[in-house]
C-alpha atoms as a PDB file:
ATOM      1  CA  MET A   1     -21.565  87.563  26.898  1.00  0.00           C
ATOM      2  CA  THR A   2     -20.554  83.987  27.784  1.00  0.00           C
ATOM      3  CA  ILE A   3     -17.793  82.143  26.009  1.00  0.00           C
ATOM      4  CA  THR A   4     -17.897  78.360  26.162  1.00  0.00           C
ATOM      5  CA  ILE A   5     -14.932  76.237  25.274  1.00  0.00           C
ATOM      6  CA  ILE A   6     -15.878  72.646  24.449  1.00  0.00           C
ATOM      7  CA  THR A   7     -13.237  69.934  24.753  1.00  0.00           C
ATOM      8  CA  PRO A   8     -13.682  66.178  24.474  1.00  0.00           C
ATOM      9  CA  LEU A   9     -14.123  64.358  27.745  1.00  0.00           C
ATOM     10  CA  THR A  10     -11.688  61.650  26.774  1.00  0.00           C
ATOM     11  CA  PRO A  11      -8.723  61.830  24.433  1.00  0.00           C
ATOM     12  CA  TYR A  12      -8.181  60.119  21.158  1.00  0.00           C
ATOM     13  CA  TRP A  13      -5.539  57.498  20.762  1.00  0.00           C
ATOM     14  CA  GLN A  14      -2.322  58.583  19.108  1.00  0.00           C
ATOM     15  CA  HIS A  15      -0.061  56.229  17.196  1.00  0.00           C
ATOM     16  CA  VAL A  16       3.307  57.081  18.736  1.00  0.00           C
ATOM     17  CA  HIS A  17       5.444  54.657  16.750  1.00  0.00           C
ATOM     18  CA  ALA A  18       5.276  51.244  15.094  1.00  0.00           C
ATOM     19  CA  ASP A  19       4.034  49.212  18.070  1.00  0.00           C
ATOM     20  CA  TRP A  20       2.941  51.827  20.610  1.00  0.00           C
ATOM     21  CA  TRP A  21      -0.259  53.852  21.070  1.00  0.00           C
ATOM     22  CA  GLN A  22      -0.957  56.396  23.816  1.00  0.00           C
ATOM     23  CA  ASP A  23      -3.838  58.619  24.868  1.00  0.00           C
ATOM     24  CA  ALA A  24      -3.587  62.020  26.617  1.00  0.00           C
ATOM     25  CA  GLN A  25      -4.386  60.400  29.969  1.00  0.00           C
ATOM     26  CA  GLY A  26      -1.126  58.417  29.712  1.00  0.00           C
ATOM     27  CA  ASN A  27      -2.673  55.001  28.998  1.00  0.00           C
ATOM     28  CA  ASP A  28      -0.483  52.905  26.720  1.00  0.00           C
ATOM     29  CA  ILE A  29      -1.036  50.033  24.318  1.00  0.00           C
ATOM     30  CA  HIS A  30       1.993  48.025  23.158  1.00  0.00           C
ATOM     31  CA  ARG A  31       1.834  45.485  20.369  1.00  0.00           C
ATOM     32  CA  VAL A  32       3.911  42.395  21.024  1.00  0.00           C
ATOM     33  CA  GLU A  33       4.387  39.519  18.577  1.00  0.00           C
ATOM     34  CA  ILE A  34       4.825  36.094  20.181  1.00  0.00           C
ATOM     35  CA  ASP A  35       5.163  33.002  18.000  1.00  0.00           C
ATOM     36  CA  GLY A  36       3.594  34.850  15.087  1.00  0.00           C
ATOM     37  CA  ASP A  37       0.553  36.013  17.090  1.00  0.00           C
ATOM     38  CA  ALA A  38       0.036  39.711  17.853  1.00  0.00           C
ATOM     39  CA  LEU A  39      -0.991  40.582  21.418  1.00  0.00           C
ATOM     40  CA  TYR A  40      -1.785  44.070  22.655  1.00  0.00           C
ATOM     41  CA  HIS A  41      -0.698  44.833  26.219  1.00  0.00           C
ATOM     42  CA  CYS A  42      -2.707  47.596  27.879  1.00  0.00           C
ATOM     43  CA  HIS A  43      -1.106  49.682  30.624  1.00  0.00           C
ATOM     44  CA  LEU A  44      -3.220  52.199  32.553  1.00  0.00           C
ATOM     45  CA  ALA A  45      -1.625  55.442  33.634  1.00  0.00           C
ATOM     46  CA  GLY A  46      -0.479  55.357  37.249  1.00  0.00           C
ATOM     47  CA  SER A  47      -0.694  51.583  37.582  1.00  0.00           C
ATOM     48  CA  PRO A  48       2.275  49.829  39.188  1.00  0.00           C
ATOM     49  CA  LEU A  49       1.660  46.729  37.035  1.00  0.00           C
ATOM     50  CA  PRO A  50       3.635  46.236  33.794  1.00  0.00           C
ATOM     51  CA  TRP A  51       0.258  45.760  32.061  1.00  0.00           C
ATOM     52  CA  ASN A  52      -3.381  45.719  33.121  1.00  0.00           C
ATOM     53  CA  ALA A  53      -4.940  43.690  30.312  1.00  0.00           C
ATOM     54  CA  VAL A  54      -4.057  41.798  27.196  1.00  0.00           C
ATOM     55  CA  ALA A  55      -6.132  41.920  23.989  1.00  0.00           C
ATOM     56  CA  THR A  56      -5.890  40.196  20.618  1.00  0.00           C
ATOM     57  CA  SER A  57      -6.711  43.255  18.485  1.00  0.00           C
ATOM     58  CA  LEU A  58      -6.066  46.965  18.639  1.00  0.00           C
ATOM     59  CA  THR A  59      -9.814  47.633  18.645  1.00  0.00           C
ATOM     60  CA  GLU A  60     -10.286  45.384  21.651  1.00  0.00           C
ATOM     61  CA  ALA A  61      -7.279  46.929  23.436  1.00  0.00           C
ATOM     62  CA  MET A  62      -8.613  50.461  22.994  1.00  0.00           C
ATOM     63  CA  ALA A  63     -12.022  49.412  24.247  1.00  0.00           C
ATOM     64  CA  VAL A  64     -10.502  47.647  27.276  1.00  0.00           C
ATOM     65  CA  CYS A  65      -8.298  50.616  28.233  1.00  0.00           C
ATOM     66  CA  ASN A  66     -11.149  53.076  27.794  1.00  0.00           C
ATOM     67  CA  ARG A  67     -13.558  50.944  29.845  1.00  0.00           C
ATOM     68  CA  ARG A  68     -11.047  50.346  32.668  1.00  0.00           C
ATOM     69  CA  ALA A  69      -9.742  53.914  32.734  1.00  0.00           C
ATOM     70  CA  GLY A  70     -12.912  55.789  33.219  1.00  0.00           C
ATOM     71  CA  ASP A  71     -16.459  56.682  32.348  1.00  0.00           C
ATOM     72  CA  PRO A  72     -18.130  53.886  30.355  1.00  0.00           C
ATOM     73  CA  GLU A  73     -20.292  56.461  28.572  1.00  0.00           C
ATOM     74  CA  SER A  74     -17.196  58.087  27.123  1.00  0.00           C
ATOM     75  CA  ARG A  75     -15.824  54.913  25.532  1.00  0.00           C
ATOM     76  CA  ARG A  76     -17.159  55.527  22.035  1.00  0.00           C
ATOM     77  CA  ARG A  77     -16.278  59.248  22.093  1.00  0.00           C
ATOM     78  CA  SER A  78     -12.607  58.360  22.673  1.00  0.00           C
ATOM     79  CA  MET A  79     -12.365  56.096  19.649  1.00  0.00           C
ATOM     80  CA  PRO A  80     -11.465  57.175  16.155  1.00  0.00           C
ATOM     81  CA  ARG A  81     -14.423  56.809  13.724  1.00  0.00           C
ATOM     82  CA  HIS A  82     -12.944  53.836  11.882  1.00  0.00           C
ATOM     83  CA  VAL A  83     -12.505  51.901  15.144  1.00  0.00           C
ATOM     84  CA  GLU A  84     -16.046  52.768  16.208  1.00  0.00           C
ATOM     85  CA  GLN A  85     -17.390  51.506  12.848  1.00  0.00           C
ATOM     86  CA  GLU A  86     -15.390  48.288  13.117  1.00  0.00           C
ATOM     87  CA  MET A  87     -16.748  47.637  16.608  1.00  0.00           C
ATOM     88  CA  ALA A  88     -20.310  48.265  15.399  1.00  0.00           C
ATOM     89  CA  ARG A  89     -19.840  45.615  12.711  1.00  0.00           C
ATOM     90  CA  GLU A  90     -18.615  43.072  15.283  1.00  0.00           C
ATOM     91  CA  VAL A  91     -21.793  43.342  17.390  1.00  0.00           C
END
């Protein structure tokens, strides 16, 4: 008998606190408000830079981090369903 354990290839984003999201790989998204505009700073795990990309929406920030962090095929699987649906409407 063979037992197979299936786990997702990429993690889901977790809302850590008010302006901070993190995935299980250690990638972070921080929301910063500057002059009334919200910007989302993306930091990839292990990077020496304070941030690796800046986005204007949380949806865009998650997509940018997922795309830069790994397998492009896994981008949609790592997003919560509501984010995936929002991105589909934007296309």
